[in-house]
Structures are given as structure tokens and as C-alpha cells.
Protein backbone atom coordinates (compact mmCIF):
# COMPACT_ATOMS: atom_id res chain seq x y z
CA MET A 1 -18.87 -3.76 26.41
CA CYS A 2 -16.29 -2.19 24.03
CA ARG A 3 -17.58 1.32 24.77
CA GLY A 4 -17.33 0.65 28.50
CA THR A 5 -13.72 -0.49 28.36
CA SER A 6 -12.53 2.02 25.75
CA GLY A 7 -14.55 5.14 26.51
CA ALA A 8 -15.09 5.53 22.75
CA PRO A 9 -18.15 5.07 20.50
CA CYS A 10 -16.57 2.00 18.90
CA VAL A 11 -13.34 0.03 18.69
CA ALA A 12 -11.59 -1.16 15.52
CA TRP A 13 -10.48 -4.78 15.91
CA LEU A 14 -8.07 -6.95 13.93
CA SER A 15 -8.72 -10.68 14.39
CA VAL A 16 -5.76 -13.06 14.19
CA ALA A 17 -5.11 -16.70 14.97
CA SER A 18 -3.73 -16.67 18.51
CA GLU A 19 -0.79 -18.85 17.47
CA HIS A 20 0.38 -16.09 15.11
CA LEU A 21 0.34 -13.34 17.73
CA GLU A 22 3.75 -12.39 19.07
CA LEU A 23 4.26 -9.64 21.61
CA LEU A 24 7.64 -8.02 21.10
CA GLN A 25 7.98 -6.29 24.45
CA GLY A 26 6.53 -6.55 27.94
CA THR A 27 3.65 -8.54 29.36
CA PRO A 28 0.19 -6.99 29.25
CA ALA A 29 -2.08 -6.91 32.29
CA ARG A 30 -5.22 -9.07 32.07
CA PHE A 31 -8.79 -8.69 33.30
CA ARG A 32 -12.24 -10.13 32.70
CA ALA A 33 -14.83 -7.39 32.13
CA SER A 34 -17.41 -10.09 31.41
CA SER A 35 -17.86 -13.74 32.30
CA HIS A 36 -16.93 -14.98 28.81
CA ALA A 37 -13.76 -13.16 27.76
CA THR A 38 -10.31 -11.98 28.78
CA ARG A 39 -8.98 -8.56 27.82
CA THR A 40 -5.43 -7.29 28.05
CA PHE A 41 -4.11 -3.78 28.40
CA CYS A 42 -0.83 -1.94 28.85
CA ALA A 43 -0.18 -1.70 32.59
CA THR A 44 1.81 1.51 32.03
CA CYS A 45 -0.58 3.64 29.95
CA GLY A 46 -3.86 1.69 30.13
CA THR A 47 -4.29 1.17 26.38
CA GLN A 48 -6.62 -1.75 25.65
CA LEU A 49 -4.73 -4.33 23.57
CA THR A 50 -6.53 -7.64 23.06
CA PHE A 51 -9.76 -9.57 23.54
CA VAL A 52 -10.12 -13.37 23.66
CA ASP A 53 -13.59 -14.90 23.91
CA ASP A 54 -13.73 -18.19 25.81
CA ALA A 55 -15.85 -19.61 22.96
CA SER A 56 -13.06 -18.89 20.42
CA PRO A 57 -9.78 -19.43 22.29
CA GLY A 58 -7.80 -19.82 19.05
CA GLU A 59 -8.64 -16.27 17.91
CA THR A 60 -7.37 -13.02 19.40
CA GLY A 61 -8.88 -9.62 18.70
CA ILE A 62 -6.30 -6.83 18.67
CA THR A 63 -7.27 -3.18 19.00
CA THR A 64 -6.16 -1.85 15.63
CA CYS A 65 -5.28 1.62 16.90
CA SER A 66 -2.88 0.17 19.49
CA LEU A 67 -0.63 -0.92 16.60
CA ASP A 68 2.28 1.21 15.39
CA SER A 69 0.75 1.33 11.87
CA PRO A 70 -3.05 1.10 12.16
CA ASP A 71 -3.52 2.36 8.58
CA ALA A 72 -1.93 -0.90 7.38
CA VAL A 73 -5.01 -2.87 8.49
CA PRO A 74 -8.20 -1.03 7.47
CA PRO A 75 -11.53 -2.57 8.49
CA ASP A 76 -13.31 -5.18 6.36
CA ASP A 77 -16.74 -4.78 7.95
CA HIS A 78 -18.74 -3.45 10.89
CA THR A 79 -20.08 -5.71 13.64
CA PHE A 80 -22.47 -5.31 16.57
CA LEU A 81 -24.52 -2.59 14.88
CA ASP A 82 -27.36 -3.32 17.32
CA ASP A 83 -25.14 -1.65 19.93
CA LYS A 84 -24.07 1.36 17.82
CA VAL A 85 -24.67 4.83 19.25
CA ALA A 86 -27.34 6.62 17.22
CA TRP A 87 -25.16 9.56 16.17
CA LEU A 88 -22.32 7.46 14.69
CA VAL A 89 -22.61 7.50 10.87
CA LEU A 90 -20.97 4.66 8.94
CA GLY A 91 -20.74 5.88 5.36
CA ASP A 92 -17.97 3.67 3.99
CA GLY A 93 -20.14 0.98 2.35
CA LEU A 94 -18.48 -1.92 4.18
CA PRO A 95 -20.56 -5.01 5.06
CA ARG A 96 -22.54 -4.67 8.28
CA PHE A 97 -23.62 -7.21 10.87
CA ARG A 98 -26.19 -6.68 13.62
CA ARG A 99 -24.14 -8.86 15.99
CA ALA A 100 -20.99 -10.92 15.45
CA ARG A 101 -20.10 -12.03 11.91
CA SER A 102 -20.90 -15.62 12.86
CA GLU A 103 -24.42 -14.59 13.90
CA GLY A 104 -25.21 -12.92 10.58
């Protein structure tokens, strides 16, 4: 689903407790691209901003590259490798998960 909503081979996500997320300006538009999650995006430029799965309402995924300083939050791992496009090479040595971290 991330490729479909981003138009990119993958999306870098930063997970935070929803209670710690504070938007400083504006109100993002919301939509449900699937039956189990809500995504938000900037209604002006279309940038995807967040993802909240109904099964984990206390956690918000933020698209890292929508932040002003994405280099401040490098990835810790790679998830959903079962869905990776074949030509994308991950050579950084970070932990890898076939699906979500919680699924192993």
C-alpha cells in the first residue's frame, strides 16, 4: 500500500506515540486507503504525512522525509520486505523483517 500512496519504491517511517505528536501548523486532510488504517496528507501539496493503523491507535507513523530535518531520524530497520520491489538493494546492514516488526 505504501507504494500506491507514495508513488515511490518504499517509504521511510518514524513511529511515535500518538500522544507525543504535535502538529505546529494547519490541519492535514485524511483518507482511508484500506479498511484498517487512516492516512493524512497535506491538502495543499499532497505530501503524505501520517499513518495510523486501527489495531494500534496509540501509535502514529510519520513519513520521515516530510520532516524539516529527515537526517535527524535515520532508519533502525527495514519492514515489509515481502513487498519490496526486486531491484531495490538494501546494503546498509540494518535488521530486516518480512512483514511488520511485531510479526517477526
